[in-house]
Amino acid sequence: MLRPQENATRELKSLAGLWRFRADADGVGRAERWYAGPLRRPIDMPVPASYNEITADPALYNHVGDVWYQTTTYVPEAGRTAGSSCASTRPPTGPRSGSTTPR
């Protein structure tokens, strides 16, 4: 397995911390384009963590389905080269857990 390495041309940045989070119990987030702006009525959720075990809300504990995470981060000048990308406002294309793209 390849591990991230920091060197003269690559900087590692941890995305751990509190992210904005919202469960999509009705599965409407993609159709309503939740990825296109700030989440409405989010809660703070630590990342990395298992969202099912963070709150005392039984609906979230038992939730199986889409969830959405959002955060803001700084991209150093060195990472802003032509052809590079580290953020997305596109909807997800397949199953995955928390990321900077919505899910």
N, C-alpha and C. Protein backbone atom coordinates (compact mmCIF):
# COMPACT_ATOMS: atom_id res chain seq x y z
N MET A 1 0.83 -1.17 0.00
CA MET A 1 0.00 0.00 0.00
C MET A 1 0.89 1.25 0.00
N LEU A 2 0.59 2.17 -0.87
CA LEU A 2 1.34 3.42 -0.90
C LEU A 2 0.88 4.33 0.23
N ARG A 3 1.81 4.94 0.90
CA ARG A 3 1.52 5.86 1.99
C ARG A 3 1.81 7.29 1.52
N PRO A 4 1.03 8.27 2.00
CA PRO A 4 1.34 9.66 1.66
C PRO A 4 2.73 10.03 2.14
N GLN A 5 3.44 10.76 1.32
CA GLN A 5 4.78 11.20 1.67
C GLN A 5 4.89 12.69 1.46
N GLU A 6 5.51 13.37 2.40
CA GLU A 6 5.76 14.80 2.24
C GLU A 6 7.17 14.97 1.71
N ASN A 7 7.30 15.83 0.70
CA ASN A 7 8.62 16.10 0.14
C ASN A 7 8.63 17.52 -0.41
N ALA A 8 9.62 17.85 -1.22
CA ALA A 8 9.77 19.21 -1.73
C ALA A 8 8.60 19.65 -2.61
N THR A 9 7.90 18.72 -3.21
CA THR A 9 6.79 19.08 -4.09
C THR A 9 5.43 18.63 -3.58
N ARG A 10 5.39 18.00 -2.43
CA ARG A 10 4.13 17.48 -1.90
C ARG A 10 4.02 17.80 -0.41
N GLU A 11 2.94 18.46 -0.03
CA GLU A 11 2.70 18.81 1.36
C GLU A 11 1.52 18.00 1.89
N LEU A 12 1.68 17.39 3.04
CA LEU A 12 0.59 16.66 3.67
C LEU A 12 -0.24 17.61 4.51
N LYS A 13 -1.54 17.47 4.45
CA LYS A 13 -2.43 18.31 5.25
C LYS A 13 -3.50 17.42 5.85
N SER A 14 -3.61 17.44 7.15
CA SER A 14 -4.64 16.67 7.83
C SER A 14 -5.98 17.39 7.67
N LEU A 15 -7.02 16.66 7.36
CA LEU A 15 -8.36 17.22 7.30
C LEU A 15 -9.18 16.83 8.52
N ALA A 16 -8.51 16.31 9.54
CA ALA A 16 -9.18 15.97 10.79
C ALA A 16 -9.67 17.25 11.47
N GLY A 17 -10.80 17.15 12.11
CA GLY A 17 -11.36 18.30 12.84
C GLY A 17 -12.87 18.24 12.84
N LEU A 18 -13.50 19.36 13.16
CA LEU A 18 -14.95 19.43 13.13
C LEU A 18 -15.42 19.84 11.74
N TRP A 19 -16.27 19.03 11.17
CA TRP A 19 -16.85 19.29 9.85
C TRP A 19 -18.33 19.57 10.03
N ARG A 20 -18.92 20.30 9.08
CA ARG A 20 -20.37 20.46 9.05
C ARG A 20 -20.95 19.16 8.49
N PHE A 21 -22.03 18.70 9.09
CA PHE A 21 -22.56 17.37 8.79
C PHE A 21 -24.08 17.41 8.77
N ARG A 22 -24.64 16.65 7.85
CA ARG A 22 -26.10 16.49 7.83
C ARG A 22 -26.43 15.13 7.23
N ALA A 23 -27.29 14.39 7.92
CA ALA A 23 -27.78 13.12 7.39
C ALA A 23 -28.88 13.43 6.38
N ASP A 24 -28.93 12.65 5.34
CA ASP A 24 -29.91 12.83 4.27
C ASP A 24 -30.93 11.68 4.35
N ALA A 25 -31.75 11.72 5.40
CA ALA A 25 -32.68 10.62 5.68
C ALA A 25 -33.66 10.36 4.53
N ASP A 26 -34.01 11.41 3.79
CA ASP A 26 -34.98 11.26 2.70
C ASP A 26 -34.31 11.05 1.34
N GLY A 27 -32.98 11.10 1.30
CA GLY A 27 -32.26 10.88 0.05
C GLY A 27 -32.50 11.94 -1.01
N VAL A 28 -32.69 13.20 -0.57
CA VAL A 28 -33.01 14.28 -1.51
C VAL A 28 -31.83 15.21 -1.78
N GLY A 29 -30.71 15.00 -1.11
CA GLY A 29 -29.58 15.92 -1.21
C GLY A 29 -29.05 16.13 -2.61
N ARG A 30 -28.93 15.08 -3.38
CA ARG A 30 -28.43 15.24 -4.76
C ARG A 30 -29.41 16.04 -5.60
N ALA A 31 -30.69 15.67 -5.54
CA ALA A 31 -31.70 16.36 -6.34
C ALA A 31 -31.83 17.82 -5.94
N GLU A 32 -31.67 18.11 -4.65
CA GLU A 32 -31.77 19.49 -4.16
C GLU A 32 -30.43 20.21 -4.20
N ARG A 33 -29.40 19.55 -4.73
CA ARG A 33 -28.08 20.14 -4.93
C ARG A 33 -27.46 20.67 -3.63
N TRP A 34 -27.50 19.86 -2.59
CA TRP A 34 -26.90 20.27 -1.32
C TRP A 34 -25.42 20.56 -1.47
N TYR A 35 -24.79 19.98 -2.46
CA TYR A 35 -23.36 20.19 -2.71
C TYR A 35 -23.05 21.58 -3.26
N ALA A 36 -24.06 22.31 -3.69
CA ALA A 36 -23.83 23.60 -4.36
C ALA A 36 -23.68 24.77 -3.40
N GLY A 37 -23.85 24.56 -2.13
CA GLY A 37 -23.72 25.66 -1.17
C GLY A 37 -23.59 25.11 0.24
N PRO A 38 -23.61 26.01 1.21
CA PRO A 38 -23.51 25.55 2.60
C PRO A 38 -24.70 24.66 2.98
N LEU A 39 -24.43 23.65 3.76
CA LEU A 39 -25.51 22.80 4.25
C LEU A 39 -26.46 23.60 5.13
N ARG A 40 -27.73 23.35 4.97
CA ARG A 40 -28.72 23.97 5.86
C ARG A 40 -28.86 23.12 7.12
N ARG A 41 -28.89 23.76 8.25
CA ARG A 41 -29.06 23.11 9.56
C ARG A 41 -28.07 21.97 9.80
N PRO A 42 -26.77 22.22 9.58
CA PRO A 42 -25.80 21.16 9.86
C PRO A 42 -25.51 21.08 11.36
N ILE A 43 -24.92 19.98 11.76
CA ILE A 43 -24.36 19.86 13.10
C ILE A 43 -22.86 19.69 12.94
N ASP A 44 -22.11 20.01 13.97
CA ASP A 44 -20.67 19.79 13.94
C ASP A 44 -20.40 18.31 14.20
N MET A 45 -19.52 17.75 13.38
CA MET A 45 -19.22 16.33 13.50
C MET A 45 -17.69 16.16 13.43
N PRO A 46 -17.10 15.48 14.42
CA PRO A 46 -15.66 15.25 14.35
C PRO A 46 -15.31 14.27 13.23
N VAL A 47 -14.21 14.55 12.57
CA VAL A 47 -13.68 13.69 11.51
C VAL A 47 -12.22 13.44 11.84
N PRO A 48 -11.74 12.24 11.89
CA PRO A 48 -12.48 11.00 11.63
C PRO A 48 -13.27 10.56 12.86
N ALA A 49 -14.38 9.93 12.62
CA ALA A 49 -15.23 9.37 13.67
C ALA A 49 -16.36 8.60 13.01
N SER A 50 -17.08 7.86 13.81
CA SER A 50 -18.26 7.14 13.35
C SER A 50 -19.47 7.96 13.75
N TYR A 51 -20.10 8.64 12.78
CA TYR A 51 -21.20 9.54 13.11
C TYR A 51 -22.32 8.84 13.86
N ASN A 52 -22.49 7.54 13.65
CA ASN A 52 -23.56 6.81 14.33
C ASN A 52 -23.38 6.79 15.84
N GLU A 53 -22.17 6.99 16.31
CA GLU A 53 -21.90 6.86 17.74
C GLU A 53 -21.54 8.18 18.41
N ILE A 54 -21.66 9.30 17.71
CA ILE A 54 -21.24 10.58 18.28
C ILE A 54 -22.38 11.27 19.03
N THR A 55 -23.58 11.27 18.49
CA THR A 55 -24.70 11.98 19.12
C THR A 55 -25.59 11.00 19.88
N ALA A 56 -26.50 11.56 20.65
CA ALA A 56 -27.47 10.73 21.38
C ALA A 56 -28.76 10.56 20.58
N ASP A 57 -28.77 11.02 19.34
CA ASP A 57 -29.97 10.95 18.50
C ASP A 57 -30.15 9.53 17.95
N PRO A 58 -31.23 8.82 18.36
CA PRO A 58 -31.41 7.45 17.87
C PRO A 58 -31.60 7.38 16.36
N ALA A 59 -32.19 8.41 15.75
CA ALA A 59 -32.36 8.39 14.29
C ALA A 59 -31.00 8.40 13.59
N LEU A 60 -30.05 9.16 14.11
CA LEU A 60 -28.72 9.21 13.51
C LEU A 60 -27.95 7.91 13.83
N TYR A 61 -28.13 7.40 15.02
CA TYR A 61 -27.47 6.15 15.39
C TYR A 61 -27.88 5.01 14.45
N ASN A 62 -29.14 4.98 14.06
CA ASN A 62 -29.66 3.92 13.21
C ASN A 62 -29.67 4.26 11.72
N HIS A 63 -29.16 5.44 11.37
CA HIS A 63 -29.21 5.89 9.97
C HIS A 63 -28.33 5.04 9.08
N VAL A 64 -28.90 4.60 7.98
CA VAL A 64 -28.16 3.93 6.91
C VAL A 64 -28.58 4.64 5.64
N GLY A 65 -27.65 5.30 4.98
CA GLY A 65 -27.97 6.05 3.78
C GLY A 65 -26.99 7.18 3.59
N ASP A 66 -27.37 8.13 2.76
CA ASP A 66 -26.48 9.23 2.43
C ASP A 66 -26.29 10.16 3.62
N VAL A 67 -25.07 10.66 3.74
CA VAL A 67 -24.75 11.73 4.68
C VAL A 67 -23.86 12.72 3.95
N TRP A 68 -23.84 13.96 4.44
CA TRP A 68 -23.08 15.02 3.78
C TRP A 68 -22.14 15.66 4.78
N TYR A 69 -20.92 15.85 4.35
CA TYR A 69 -19.90 16.53 5.15
C TYR A 69 -19.41 17.75 4.36
N GLN A 70 -19.13 18.83 5.06
CA GLN A 70 -18.51 20.00 4.44
C GLN A 70 -17.47 20.57 5.40
N THR A 71 -16.40 21.06 4.83
CA THR A 71 -15.40 21.78 5.60
C THR A 71 -14.73 22.79 4.70
N THR A 72 -14.01 23.68 5.30
CA THR A 72 -13.23 24.68 4.57
C THR A 72 -11.78 24.51 4.98
N THR A 73 -10.89 24.59 4.01
CA THR A 73 -9.48 24.44 4.31
C THR A 73 -8.68 25.41 3.45
N TYR A 74 -7.47 25.64 3.84
CA TYR A 74 -6.54 26.52 3.12
C TYR A 74 -5.68 25.68 2.18
N VAL A 75 -5.56 26.13 0.95
CA VAL A 75 -4.68 25.47 -0.01
C VAL A 75 -3.48 26.37 -0.22
N PRO A 76 -2.29 25.92 0.16
CA PRO A 76 -1.10 26.75 -0.01
C PRO A 76 -0.85 27.08 -1.48
N GLU A 77 -0.18 28.16 -1.72
CA GLU A 77 0.12 28.61 -3.09
C GLU A 77 0.77 27.51 -3.91
N ALA A 78 1.65 26.74 -3.28
CA ALA A 78 2.34 25.66 -4.00
C ALA A 78 1.36 24.61 -4.51
N GLY A 79 0.21 24.49 -3.90
CA GLY A 79 -0.77 23.50 -4.32
C GLY A 79 -1.74 24.01 -5.36
N ARG A 80 -1.60 25.25 -5.75
CA ARG A 80 -2.53 25.85 -6.71
C ARG A 80 -1.93 25.88 -8.11
N THR A 81 -1.39 24.79 -8.55
CA THR A 81 -0.78 24.73 -9.87
C THR A 81 -1.83 24.35 -10.91
N ALA A 82 -1.56 24.67 -12.14
CA ALA A 82 -2.48 24.34 -13.22
C ALA A 82 -2.70 22.83 -13.26
N GLY A 83 -3.93 22.44 -13.38
CA GLY A 83 -4.26 21.03 -13.49
C GLY A 83 -4.43 20.32 -12.17
N SER A 84 -4.19 21.02 -11.06
CA SER A 84 -4.37 20.35 -9.77
C SER A 84 -5.74 20.71 -9.19
N SER A 85 -6.26 19.83 -8.39
CA SER A 85 -7.56 20.05 -7.78
C SER A 85 -7.60 19.36 -6.44
N CYS A 86 -8.18 20.02 -5.46
CA CYS A 86 -8.30 19.37 -4.15
C CYS A 86 -9.69 19.59 -3.56
N ALA A 87 -10.57 20.26 -4.27
CA ALA A 87 -11.93 20.49 -3.77
C ALA A 87 -12.89 20.28 -4.92
N SER A 88 -14.12 19.98 -4.58
CA SER A 88 -15.09 19.71 -5.61
C SER A 88 -16.46 20.20 -5.19
N THR A 89 -17.22 20.69 -6.15
CA THR A 89 -18.61 21.01 -5.89
C THR A 89 -19.49 20.10 -6.74
N ARG A 90 -18.89 19.07 -7.28
CA ARG A 90 -19.66 18.10 -8.07
C ARG A 90 -20.33 17.12 -7.15
N PRO A 91 -21.49 16.58 -7.56
CA PRO A 91 -22.13 15.56 -6.74
C PRO A 91 -21.33 14.27 -6.78
N PRO A 92 -21.48 13.42 -5.77
CA PRO A 92 -20.74 12.16 -5.76
C PRO A 92 -21.21 11.25 -6.88
N THR A 93 -20.33 10.36 -7.29
CA THR A 93 -20.68 9.44 -8.37
C THR A 93 -20.85 8.02 -7.89
N GLY A 94 -20.53 7.76 -6.64
CA GLY A 94 -20.67 6.41 -6.12
C GLY A 94 -20.60 6.40 -4.61
N PRO A 95 -20.80 5.24 -4.00
CA PRO A 95 -20.81 5.17 -2.54
C PRO A 95 -19.45 5.52 -1.96
N ARG A 96 -19.48 6.28 -0.91
CA ARG A 96 -18.27 6.58 -0.15
C ARG A 96 -18.67 7.24 1.16
N SER A 97 -17.78 7.26 2.09
CA SER A 97 -18.06 7.93 3.35
C SER A 97 -17.57 9.36 3.27
N GLY A 98 -17.41 10.01 4.39
CA GLY A 98 -17.10 11.43 4.43
C GLY A 98 -15.96 11.87 3.53
N SER A 99 -16.11 13.01 2.89
CA SER A 99 -15.10 13.57 2.02
C SER A 99 -15.42 15.03 1.81
N THR A 100 -14.56 15.71 1.08
CA THR A 100 -14.87 17.10 0.80
C THR A 100 -15.95 17.24 -0.24
N THR A 101 -16.18 16.18 -0.99
CA THR A 101 -17.34 16.18 -1.87
C THR A 101 -18.53 15.68 -1.07
N PRO A 102 -19.71 16.05 -1.45
CA PRO A 102 -20.87 15.68 -0.63
C PRO A 102 -21.13 14.19 -0.63
N ARG A 103 -21.59 13.72 0.48
CA ARG A 103 -22.02 12.33 0.62
C ARG A 103 -22.56 12.15 2.00
